[in-house]
Amino acid sequence: YVGQTADLPKRLEQHNSGLSLWTKRRTNWSVIFFEIFATRREALTREKWLKSGVGRDFLKNVSREGS
């Protein structure tokens, strides 16, 4: 799952409690990577990139390194 929020702990709790429409079918979500941006616009631009092919490859590498 890739997304942006102003309150990461709260958003993670929402995902794990089934309150999020897109992630309610699964539980036990954990954070493997996060970044902090000064503006929401910057965060949305990065989110869009992370959802691209190159961004997904980047996240796969981050996930492998964290394992």
Protein backbone atom coordinates (compact mmCIF):
# COMPACT_ATOMS: atom_id res chain seq x y z
CA TYR A 1 0.00 0.00 0.00
CA VAL A 2 1.28 3.47 -0.87
CA GLY A 3 -0.40 6.57 0.50
CA GLN A 4 0.08 9.87 2.29
CA THR A 5 -1.21 11.19 5.59
CA ALA A 6 -0.56 13.91 8.14
CA ASP A 7 -0.81 11.40 11.02
CA LEU A 8 0.97 8.10 10.31
CA PRO A 9 0.21 6.29 13.60
CA LYS A 10 -3.50 7.12 13.28
CA ARG A 11 -3.60 6.03 9.63
CA LEU A 12 -1.86 2.74 10.41
CA GLU A 13 -4.40 2.10 13.17
CA GLN A 14 -7.24 2.77 10.70
CA HIS A 15 -5.80 0.25 8.24
CA ASN A 16 -5.31 -2.42 10.89
CA SER A 17 -8.80 -1.97 12.34
CA GLY A 18 -10.51 -2.30 8.94
CA LEU A 19 -11.67 1.32 8.78
CA SER A 20 -9.97 2.02 5.46
CA LEU A 21 -12.00 1.06 2.38
CA TRP A 22 -8.97 0.07 0.29
CA THR A 23 -7.15 -2.02 2.89
CA LYS A 24 -9.93 -3.50 5.04
CA ARG A 25 -9.60 -6.98 3.49
CA ARG A 26 -6.20 -7.41 5.11
CA THR A 27 -4.94 -6.61 8.60
CA ASN A 28 -1.59 -6.53 10.38
CA TRP A 29 -0.18 -3.74 8.22
CA SER A 30 3.25 -2.40 9.13
CA VAL A 31 5.33 0.53 7.92
CA ILE A 32 8.40 -0.42 5.90
CA PHE A 33 9.26 3.04 4.59
CA PHE A 34 8.14 6.63 5.07
CA GLU A 35 9.26 10.10 4.10
CA ILE A 36 8.37 13.54 5.45
CA PHE A 37 7.54 16.47 3.16
CA ALA A 38 7.00 20.15 3.86
CA THR A 39 3.81 20.37 1.79
CA ARG A 40 0.97 18.07 0.81
CA ARG A 41 1.67 18.84 -2.84
CA GLU A 42 5.19 17.43 -2.48
CA ALA A 43 3.80 14.34 -0.75
CA LEU A 44 1.22 13.75 -3.48
CA THR A 45 3.86 14.14 -6.19
CA ARG A 46 6.05 11.56 -4.45
CA GLU A 47 3.07 9.23 -3.92
CA LYS A 48 2.31 9.37 -7.65
CA TRP A 49 5.95 8.53 -8.44
CA LEU A 50 5.99 5.63 -5.95
CA LYS A 51 2.94 4.18 -7.70
CA SER A 52 4.76 4.27 -11.06
CA GLY A 53 6.84 1.39 -12.37
CA VAL A 54 10.12 2.98 -11.31
CA GLY A 55 8.69 3.84 -7.89
CA ARG A 56 7.44 0.29 -7.35
CA ASP A 57 10.91 -1.03 -8.21
CA PHE A 58 12.37 1.41 -5.68
CA LEU A 59 9.98 0.15 -2.98
CA LYS A 60 10.79 -3.49 -3.78
CA ASN A 61 14.46 -2.70 -3.16
CA VAL A 62 13.66 -0.90 0.09
CA SER A 63 11.57 -3.88 1.19
CA ARG A 64 14.38 -6.33 0.40
CA GLU A 65 16.93 -4.25 2.30
CA GLY A 66 14.66 -4.09 5.35
CA SER A 67 14.16 -7.87 5.47
